[in-house]
């Protein structure tokens, strides 16, 4: 809500305003009955990502209530992206294990990693087993967690 206060303002009359003129104009364009533009648009306002989504209603609701727009507010992470080469070096990974890791964290399976590298699927499976052994993990989910790409909140 602190982030929302920096980006949004609510008037005493209950009217919502976005503190960025382009985003505010987009919101009010989307709220017009005759709007025929993009159904969703995103703005980055400092450390906040603001997404506006025009919803579709049934004919009766649209007639009596008018258009609606959903406003999504997300805090953008200020963390630096993972340094894979540094991570690999710190954990003693080979170039082949790093390649396998890059494939896994981008969501690829062993067959796709193998095709991209021009090697067999079994070779990639061996590299993944070695990678998991060095990092002390047993699954792709654990790999994402220890690499910092996945956070599980309590």
N, C-alpha and C. Protein backbone atom coordinates (compact mmCIF):
# COMPACT_ATOMS: atom_id res chain seq x y z
N UNK A 1 0.81 -1.19 0.00
CA UNK A 1 0.00 0.00 0.00
C UNK A 1 0.85 1.26 0.00
N UNK A 2 2.05 1.17 0.57
CA UNK A 2 2.94 2.33 0.53
C UNK A 2 3.29 2.65 -0.91
N UNK A 3 3.59 1.60 -1.71
CA UNK A 3 3.88 1.80 -3.13
C UNK A 3 2.67 2.40 -3.83
N UNK A 4 1.48 1.91 -3.49
CA UNK A 4 0.26 2.41 -4.13
C UNK A 4 0.08 3.90 -3.88
N UNK A 5 0.39 4.35 -2.69
CA UNK A 5 0.24 5.76 -2.35
C UNK A 5 1.16 6.65 -3.16
N UNK A 6 2.29 6.14 -3.57
CA UNK A 6 3.22 6.93 -4.39
C UNK A 6 2.74 7.02 -5.84
N UNK A 7 1.92 6.07 -6.25
CA UNK A 7 1.50 5.98 -7.64
C UNK A 7 0.06 6.44 -7.84
N UNK A 8 -0.82 6.14 -6.89
CA UNK A 8 -2.24 6.44 -7.01
C UNK A 8 -2.68 7.48 -5.99
N UNK A 9 -3.73 8.21 -6.36
CA UNK A 9 -4.32 9.17 -5.43
C UNK A 9 -5.82 9.07 -5.58
N UNK A 10 -6.53 9.08 -4.47
CA UNK A 10 -7.98 9.01 -4.46
C UNK A 10 -8.50 10.35 -3.98
N UNK A 11 -9.35 10.99 -4.78
CA UNK A 11 -9.89 12.29 -4.38
C UNK A 11 -10.98 12.10 -3.32
N UNK A 12 -11.36 13.19 -2.69
CA UNK A 12 -12.41 13.14 -1.67
C UNK A 12 -13.72 12.64 -2.27
N UNK A 13 -13.92 12.88 -3.55
CA UNK A 13 -15.14 12.43 -4.23
C UNK A 13 -15.07 10.99 -4.68
N UNK A 14 -13.95 10.31 -4.40
CA UNK A 14 -13.82 8.90 -4.75
C UNK A 14 -13.28 8.63 -6.14
N UNK A 15 -12.71 9.63 -6.79
CA UNK A 15 -12.15 9.46 -8.13
C UNK A 15 -10.67 9.08 -8.03
N UNK A 16 -10.29 8.05 -8.76
CA UNK A 16 -8.92 7.55 -8.75
C UNK A 16 -8.08 8.29 -9.78
N UNK A 17 -6.88 8.72 -9.37
CA UNK A 17 -5.94 9.36 -10.29
C UNK A 17 -4.59 8.68 -10.15
N UNK A 18 -3.94 8.49 -11.29
CA UNK A 18 -2.58 7.95 -11.31
C UNK A 18 -1.65 9.14 -11.40
N UNK A 19 -0.59 9.13 -10.61
CA UNK A 19 0.31 10.29 -10.52
C UNK A 19 1.21 10.46 -11.76
N UNK A 20 1.06 9.59 -12.74
CA UNK A 20 1.77 9.72 -14.02
C UNK A 20 0.74 10.14 -15.06
N UNK A 21 1.00 11.24 -15.79
CA UNK A 21 -0.01 11.77 -16.71
C UNK A 21 -0.35 10.79 -17.84
N UNK A 22 0.64 10.07 -18.38
CA UNK A 22 0.36 9.12 -19.46
C UNK A 22 -0.50 7.96 -18.96
N UNK A 23 -0.16 7.42 -17.79
CA UNK A 23 -0.93 6.31 -17.22
C UNK A 23 -2.33 6.77 -16.84
N UNK A 24 -2.46 7.99 -16.29
CA UNK A 24 -3.77 8.52 -15.92
C UNK A 24 -4.65 8.70 -17.16
N UNK A 25 -4.05 9.21 -18.23
CA UNK A 25 -4.80 9.39 -19.48
C UNK A 25 -5.23 8.04 -20.05
N UNK A 26 -4.36 7.04 -19.97
CA UNK A 26 -4.70 5.70 -20.46
C UNK A 26 -5.86 5.11 -19.67
N UNK A 27 -5.83 5.29 -18.35
CA UNK A 27 -6.92 4.79 -17.50
C UNK A 27 -8.25 5.40 -17.92
N UNK A 28 -8.30 6.70 -18.11
CA UNK A 28 -9.57 7.35 -18.44
C UNK A 28 -10.00 7.08 -19.88
N UNK A 29 -9.05 6.82 -20.78
CA UNK A 29 -9.43 6.37 -22.13
C UNK A 29 -10.09 4.99 -22.05
N UNK A 30 -9.51 4.10 -21.22
CA UNK A 30 -10.05 2.74 -21.09
C UNK A 30 -11.43 2.74 -20.43
N UNK A 31 -11.74 3.76 -19.66
CA UNK A 31 -13.02 3.84 -18.98
C UNK A 31 -14.14 4.44 -19.85
N UNK A 32 -13.81 4.87 -21.05
CA UNK A 32 -14.83 5.40 -21.96
C UNK A 32 -15.62 4.25 -22.57
N UNK A 33 -16.91 4.45 -22.72
CA UNK A 33 -17.76 3.40 -23.32
C UNK A 33 -17.32 3.07 -24.75
N UNK A 34 -16.87 4.06 -25.50
CA UNK A 34 -16.51 3.85 -26.91
C UNK A 34 -15.06 3.40 -27.10
N UNK A 35 -14.40 3.02 -26.04
CA UNK A 35 -12.98 2.63 -26.13
C UNK A 35 -12.84 1.40 -27.03
N UNK A 36 -11.86 1.44 -27.95
CA UNK A 36 -11.62 0.29 -28.83
C UNK A 36 -10.13 -0.01 -28.97
N UNK A 37 -9.34 0.35 -27.98
CA UNK A 37 -7.89 0.13 -28.02
C UNK A 37 -7.50 -1.18 -27.36
N UNK A 38 -6.23 -1.25 -26.95
CA UNK A 38 -5.69 -2.44 -26.27
C UNK A 38 -6.44 -2.67 -24.97
N UNK A 39 -6.69 -3.93 -24.66
CA UNK A 39 -7.44 -4.27 -23.45
C UNK A 39 -6.54 -4.26 -22.20
N UNK A 40 -5.22 -4.22 -22.39
CA UNK A 40 -4.30 -4.17 -21.25
C UNK A 40 -3.08 -3.35 -21.64
N UNK A 41 -2.56 -2.62 -20.67
CA UNK A 41 -1.34 -1.83 -20.89
C UNK A 41 -0.57 -1.75 -19.58
N UNK A 42 0.74 -1.63 -19.69
CA UNK A 42 1.60 -1.63 -18.50
C UNK A 42 2.48 -0.38 -18.51
N UNK A 43 2.67 0.17 -17.31
CA UNK A 43 3.54 1.33 -17.11
C UNK A 43 4.52 1.00 -16.00
N UNK A 44 5.76 1.44 -16.16
CA UNK A 44 6.75 1.30 -15.10
C UNK A 44 6.97 2.69 -14.54
N UNK A 45 6.63 2.84 -13.27
CA UNK A 45 6.72 4.13 -12.60
C UNK A 45 7.68 3.99 -11.44
N UNK A 46 8.95 4.29 -11.68
CA UNK A 46 9.97 4.12 -10.64
C UNK A 46 10.12 2.66 -10.28
N UNK A 47 9.91 2.34 -9.03
CA UNK A 47 10.05 0.96 -8.57
C UNK A 47 8.71 0.21 -8.59
N UNK A 48 7.73 0.78 -9.29
CA UNK A 48 6.40 0.18 -9.34
C UNK A 48 6.00 -0.13 -10.77
N UNK A 49 5.43 -1.31 -10.96
CA UNK A 49 4.88 -1.70 -12.25
C UNK A 49 3.36 -1.61 -12.12
N UNK A 50 2.73 -0.85 -13.01
CA UNK A 50 1.30 -0.63 -12.97
C UNK A 50 0.69 -1.21 -14.25
N UNK A 51 -0.26 -2.12 -14.11
CA UNK A 51 -0.92 -2.73 -15.25
C UNK A 51 -2.40 -2.40 -15.21
N UNK A 52 -2.92 -1.89 -16.31
CA UNK A 52 -4.33 -1.55 -16.44
C UNK A 52 -4.97 -2.57 -17.37
N UNK A 53 -6.08 -3.19 -16.92
CA UNK A 53 -6.76 -4.21 -17.71
C UNK A 53 -8.24 -3.86 -17.78
N UNK A 54 -8.74 -3.64 -18.98
CA UNK A 54 -10.16 -3.36 -19.16
C UNK A 54 -10.91 -4.69 -19.15
N UNK A 55 -11.93 -4.79 -18.32
CA UNK A 55 -12.67 -6.04 -18.21
C UNK A 55 -13.86 -6.03 -19.16
N UNK A 56 -14.26 -7.22 -19.57
CA UNK A 56 -15.43 -7.38 -20.43
C UNK A 56 -16.59 -7.84 -19.56
N UNK A 57 -17.73 -7.21 -19.76
CA UNK A 57 -18.92 -7.55 -18.99
C UNK A 57 -20.01 -8.02 -19.94
N UNK A 58 -21.04 -8.60 -19.35
CA UNK A 58 -22.21 -8.92 -20.17
C UNK A 58 -22.88 -7.61 -20.57
N UNK A 59 -23.73 -7.65 -21.57
CA UNK A 59 -24.34 -6.44 -22.13
C UNK A 59 -25.10 -5.61 -21.10
N UNK A 60 -25.89 -6.29 -20.25
CA UNK A 60 -26.70 -5.56 -19.28
C UNK A 60 -25.83 -4.83 -18.26
N UNK A 61 -24.82 -5.52 -17.72
CA UNK A 61 -23.93 -4.89 -16.74
C UNK A 61 -23.17 -3.73 -17.36
N UNK A 62 -22.70 -3.92 -18.56
CA UNK A 62 -21.96 -2.85 -19.24
C UNK A 62 -22.86 -1.64 -19.46
N UNK A 63 -24.12 -1.88 -19.80
CA UNK A 63 -25.04 -0.77 -20.04
C UNK A 63 -25.33 0.02 -18.76
N UNK A 64 -25.63 -0.68 -17.68
CA UNK A 64 -26.02 0.01 -16.44
C UNK A 64 -24.84 0.49 -15.60
N UNK A 65 -23.75 -0.28 -15.57
CA UNK A 65 -22.62 0.06 -14.70
C UNK A 65 -21.51 0.79 -15.43
N UNK A 66 -21.41 0.62 -16.71
CA UNK A 66 -20.33 1.22 -17.47
C UNK A 66 -19.08 0.36 -17.46
N UNK A 67 -18.04 0.80 -18.15
CA UNK A 67 -16.80 0.02 -18.25
C UNK A 67 -16.07 -0.08 -16.91
N UNK A 68 -15.25 -1.12 -16.77
CA UNK A 68 -14.42 -1.31 -15.57
C UNK A 68 -12.99 -1.57 -16.00
N UNK A 69 -12.06 -1.08 -15.19
CA UNK A 69 -10.64 -1.31 -15.42
C UNK A 69 -10.03 -1.82 -14.13
N UNK A 70 -9.29 -2.91 -14.23
CA UNK A 70 -8.55 -3.45 -13.08
C UNK A 70 -7.19 -2.78 -13.05
N UNK A 71 -6.76 -2.34 -11.88
CA UNK A 71 -5.45 -1.72 -11.73
C UNK A 71 -4.60 -2.64 -10.86
N UNK A 72 -3.55 -3.22 -11.46
CA UNK A 72 -2.63 -4.09 -10.73
C UNK A 72 -1.38 -3.30 -10.40
N UNK A 73 -0.96 -3.35 -9.14
CA UNK A 73 0.22 -2.63 -8.70
C UNK A 73 1.22 -3.64 -8.19
N UNK A 74 2.42 -3.65 -8.78
CA UNK A 74 3.46 -4.58 -8.38
C UNK A 74 4.73 -3.81 -8.06
N UNK A 75 5.38 -4.21 -6.99
CA UNK A 75 6.66 -3.63 -6.65
C UNK A 75 7.72 -4.35 -7.47
N UNK A 76 8.55 -3.59 -8.16
CA UNK A 76 9.61 -4.19 -8.97
C UNK A 76 10.81 -4.47 -8.08
N UNK A 77 11.38 -5.65 -8.24
CA UNK A 77 12.54 -6.04 -7.45
C UNK A 77 13.74 -5.21 -7.85
N UNK A 78 14.49 -4.79 -6.86
CA UNK A 78 15.72 -4.02 -7.13
C UNK A 78 16.95 -4.91 -7.04
N UNK A 79 16.72 -6.22 -6.92
CA UNK A 79 17.86 -7.14 -6.80
C UNK A 79 18.55 -7.29 -8.14
N UNK A 80 19.85 -7.49 -8.11
CA UNK A 80 20.62 -7.72 -9.32
C UNK A 80 20.30 -9.12 -9.85
N UNK A 81 20.32 -9.29 -11.18
CA UNK A 81 20.08 -10.61 -11.73
C UNK A 81 21.18 -11.58 -11.32
N UNK A 82 20.86 -12.86 -11.34
CA UNK A 82 21.81 -13.89 -10.95
C UNK A 82 23.02 -13.88 -11.88
N UNK A 83 24.22 -13.86 -11.32
CA UNK A 83 25.45 -13.96 -12.08
C UNK A 83 25.75 -15.45 -12.21
N UNK A 84 25.32 -16.05 -13.34
CA UNK A 84 25.47 -17.49 -13.52
C UNK A 84 26.93 -17.93 -13.57
N UNK A 85 27.77 -17.14 -14.22
CA UNK A 85 29.19 -17.52 -14.30
C UNK A 85 29.83 -17.50 -12.91
N UNK A 86 29.50 -16.49 -12.11
CA UNK A 86 30.02 -16.43 -10.75
C UNK A 86 29.49 -17.57 -9.90
N UNK A 87 28.20 -17.88 -10.07
CA UNK A 87 27.58 -18.99 -9.35
C UNK A 87 28.26 -20.30 -9.73
N UNK A 88 28.51 -20.49 -11.03
CA UNK A 88 29.16 -21.72 -11.51
C UNK A 88 30.58 -21.82 -10.97
N UNK A 89 31.31 -20.73 -10.99
CA UNK A 89 32.68 -20.72 -10.49
C UNK A 89 32.72 -21.03 -8.99
N UNK A 90 31.82 -20.40 -8.24
CA UNK A 90 31.79 -20.60 -6.79
C UNK A 90 31.42 -22.03 -6.41
N UNK A 91 30.70 -22.72 -7.30
CA UNK A 91 30.27 -24.08 -7.00
C UNK A 91 31.02 -25.15 -7.79
N UNK A 92 32.08 -24.75 -8.49
CA UNK A 92 32.91 -25.70 -9.22
C UNK A 92 32.22 -26.40 -10.37
N UNK A 93 31.33 -25.69 -11.06
CA UNK A 93 30.61 -26.29 -12.18
C UNK A 93 31.43 -26.19 -13.46
N UNK A 94 31.32 -27.22 -14.29
CA UNK A 94 31.98 -27.20 -15.60
C UNK A 94 31.12 -26.38 -16.56
N UNK A 95 31.69 -26.10 -17.74
CA UNK A 95 30.94 -25.36 -18.76
C UNK A 95 29.70 -26.15 -19.19
N UNK A 96 29.83 -27.46 -19.29
CA UNK A 96 28.70 -28.31 -19.68
C UNK A 96 27.60 -28.29 -18.61
N UNK A 97 28.00 -28.33 -17.34
CA UNK A 97 27.02 -28.28 -16.25
C UNK A 97 26.34 -26.91 -16.22
N UNK A 98 27.09 -25.86 -16.50
CA UNK A 98 26.52 -24.52 -16.55
C UNK A 98 25.50 -24.42 -17.68
N UNK A 99 25.83 -24.99 -18.84
CA UNK A 99 24.91 -24.99 -19.97
C UNK A 99 23.61 -25.73 -19.59
N UNK A 100 23.76 -26.88 -18.93
CA UNK A 100 22.59 -27.65 -18.49
C UNK A 100 21.78 -26.83 -17.48
N UNK A 101 22.46 -26.15 -16.57
CA UNK A 101 21.77 -25.34 -15.57
C UNK A 101 21.00 -24.20 -16.24
N UNK A 102 21.62 -23.54 -17.20
CA UNK A 102 20.95 -22.45 -17.91
C UNK A 102 19.69 -22.96 -18.60
N UNK A 103 19.78 -24.13 -19.19
CA UNK A 103 18.61 -24.72 -19.83
C UNK A 103 17.51 -25.02 -18.83
N UNK A 104 17.89 -25.61 -17.70
CA UNK A 104 16.90 -25.97 -16.69
C UNK A 104 16.21 -24.75 -16.09
N UNK A 105 16.97 -23.70 -15.80
CA UNK A 105 16.36 -22.53 -15.17
C UNK A 105 15.52 -21.73 -16.17
N UNK A 106 15.73 -21.98 -17.47
CA UNK A 106 14.86 -21.33 -18.46
C UNK A 106 13.68 -22.22 -18.82
N UNK A 107 13.53 -23.36 -18.12
CA UNK A 107 12.35 -24.20 -18.30
C UNK A 107 12.47 -25.28 -19.34
N UNK A 108 13.66 -25.51 -19.88
CA UNK A 108 13.83 -26.53 -20.91
C UNK A 108 14.00 -27.91 -20.28
N UNK A 109 13.64 -28.93 -21.04
CA UNK A 109 13.89 -30.30 -20.58
C UNK A 109 15.19 -30.80 -21.21
N UNK A 110 15.62 -31.99 -20.83
CA UNK A 110 16.90 -32.53 -21.30
C UNK A 110 16.95 -32.64 -22.81
N UNK A 111 15.86 -33.03 -23.44
CA UNK A 111 15.84 -33.18 -24.90
C UNK A 111 16.07 -31.84 -25.60
N UNK A 112 15.45 -30.78 -25.12
CA UNK A 112 15.63 -29.46 -25.75
C UNK A 112 17.04 -28.93 -25.52
N UNK A 113 17.58 -29.16 -24.32
CA UNK A 113 18.96 -28.72 -24.03
C UNK A 113 19.91 -29.47 -24.95
N UNK A 114 19.69 -30.77 -25.12
CA UNK A 114 20.54 -31.60 -25.98
C UNK A 114 20.47 -31.13 -27.43
N UNK A 115 19.27 -30.87 -27.93
CA UNK A 115 19.12 -30.40 -29.31
C UNK A 115 19.86 -29.10 -29.54
N UNK A 116 19.74 -28.18 -28.61
CA UNK A 116 20.39 -26.87 -28.74
C UNK A 116 21.91 -26.99 -28.72
N UNK A 117 22.42 -27.95 -27.94
CA UNK A 117 23.87 -28.12 -27.81
C UNK A 117 24.45 -29.09 -28.83
N UNK A 118 23.58 -29.82 -29.52
CA UNK A 118 24.04 -30.80 -30.51
C UNK A 118 24.65 -32.03 -29.86
N UNK A 119 24.14 -32.43 -28.72
CA UNK A 119 24.63 -33.62 -28.01
C UNK A 119 23.44 -34.52 -27.69
N UNK A 120 23.72 -35.69 -27.16
CA UNK A 120 22.63 -36.63 -26.87
C UNK A 120 21.91 -36.26 -25.58
N UNK A 121 20.68 -36.72 -25.49
CA UNK A 121 19.88 -36.49 -24.29
C UNK A 121 20.51 -37.16 -23.09
N UNK A 122 21.10 -38.32 -23.29
CA UNK A 122 21.74 -39.04 -22.17
C UNK A 122 22.95 -38.27 -21.64
N UNK A 123 23.69 -37.59 -22.53
CA UNK A 123 24.82 -36.77 -22.09
C UNK A 123 24.31 -35.63 -21.19
N UNK A 124 23.22 -35.00 -21.61
CA UNK A 124 22.64 -33.91 -20.81
C UNK A 124 22.16 -34.47 -19.47
N UNK A 125 21.53 -35.63 -19.48
CA UNK A 125 21.06 -36.24 -18.22
C UNK A 125 22.24 -36.49 -17.27
N UNK A 126 23.36 -36.94 -17.81
CA UNK A 126 24.56 -37.15 -16.99
C UNK A 126 25.06 -35.83 -16.42
N UNK A 127 25.06 -34.78 -17.24
CA UNK A 127 25.50 -33.46 -16.79
C UNK A 127 24.57 -32.92 -15.70
N UNK A 128 23.28 -33.15 -15.84
CA UNK A 128 22.32 -32.70 -14.84
C UNK A 128 22.53 -33.44 -13.53
N UNK A 129 22.76 -34.75 -13.60
CA UNK A 129 23.02 -35.53 -12.38
C UNK A 129 24.27 -35.01 -11.67
N UNK A 130 25.31 -34.71 -12.44
CA UNK A 130 26.54 -34.17 -11.87
C UNK A 130 26.28 -32.79 -11.25
N UNK A 131 25.53 -31.97 -11.95
CA UNK A 131 25.16 -30.63 -11.47
C UNK A 131 24.41 -30.74 -10.15
N UNK A 132 23.39 -31.60 -10.10
CA UNK A 132 22.62 -31.78 -8.88
C UNK A 132 23.51 -32.27 -7.73
N UNK A 133 24.42 -33.18 -8.04
CA UNK A 133 25.32 -33.70 -7.00
C UNK A 133 26.21 -32.61 -6.42
N UNK A 134 26.78 -31.78 -7.29
CA UNK A 134 27.65 -30.69 -6.82
C UNK A 134 26.89 -29.66 -5.99
N UNK A 135 25.65 -29.43 -6.34
CA UNK A 135 24.87 -28.41 -5.64
C UNK A 135 24.06 -28.98 -4.48
N UNK A 136 24.01 -30.30 -4.38
CA UNK A 136 23.27 -30.93 -3.29
C UNK A 136 21.76 -30.79 -3.42
N UNK A 137 21.26 -30.83 -4.65
CA UNK A 137 19.82 -30.73 -4.89
C UNK A 137 19.33 -32.01 -5.56
N UNK A 138 18.00 -32.20 -5.52
CA UNK A 138 17.43 -33.41 -6.12
C UNK A 138 16.39 -33.10 -7.19
N UNK A 139 16.11 -31.81 -7.41
CA UNK A 139 15.08 -31.48 -8.40
C UNK A 139 15.34 -30.10 -9.01
N UNK A 140 14.63 -29.85 -10.10
CA UNK A 140 14.73 -28.55 -10.76
C UNK A 140 14.22 -27.45 -9.84
N UNK A 141 13.19 -27.74 -9.06
CA UNK A 141 12.64 -26.77 -8.11
C UNK A 141 13.70 -26.38 -7.07
N UNK A 142 14.42 -27.36 -6.54
CA UNK A 142 15.48 -27.06 -5.56
C UNK A 142 16.60 -26.26 -6.21
N UNK A 143 16.89 -26.56 -7.48
CA UNK A 143 17.92 -25.81 -8.21
C UNK A 143 17.52 -24.34 -8.31
N UNK A 144 16.27 -24.08 -8.65
CA UNK A 144 15.80 -22.70 -8.73
C UNK A 144 15.86 -22.01 -7.37
N UNK A 145 15.50 -22.75 -6.32
CA UNK A 145 15.51 -22.17 -4.97
C UNK A 145 16.92 -21.79 -4.54
N UNK A 146 17.89 -22.69 -4.71
CA UNK A 146 19.24 -22.36 -4.22
C UNK A 146 19.95 -21.34 -5.10
N UNK A 147 19.53 -21.23 -6.37
CA UNK A 147 20.15 -20.24 -7.24
C UNK A 147 19.57 -18.85 -6.99
N UNK A 148 18.52 -18.77 -6.16
CA UNK A 148 17.92 -17.47 -5.85
C UNK A 148 16.86 -17.04 -6.83
N UNK A 149 16.53 -17.89 -7.80
CA UNK A 149 15.53 -17.53 -8.79
C UNK A 149 14.11 -17.85 -8.34
N UNK A 150 14.01 -18.62 -7.25
CA UNK A 150 12.71 -18.96 -6.71
C UNK A 150 12.74 -18.70 -5.22
N UNK A 151 11.74 -17.95 -4.75
CA UNK A 151 11.62 -17.68 -3.33
C UNK A 151 10.31 -18.21 -2.83
N UNK A 152 10.35 -18.96 -1.75
CA UNK A 152 9.12 -19.45 -1.14
C UNK A 152 8.93 -18.70 0.15
N UNK A 153 7.83 -17.94 0.20
CA UNK A 153 7.52 -17.13 1.38
C UNK A 153 6.73 -17.96 2.37
N UNK A 154 6.96 -17.75 3.65
CA UNK A 154 6.16 -18.45 4.67
C UNK A 154 4.85 -17.76 4.90
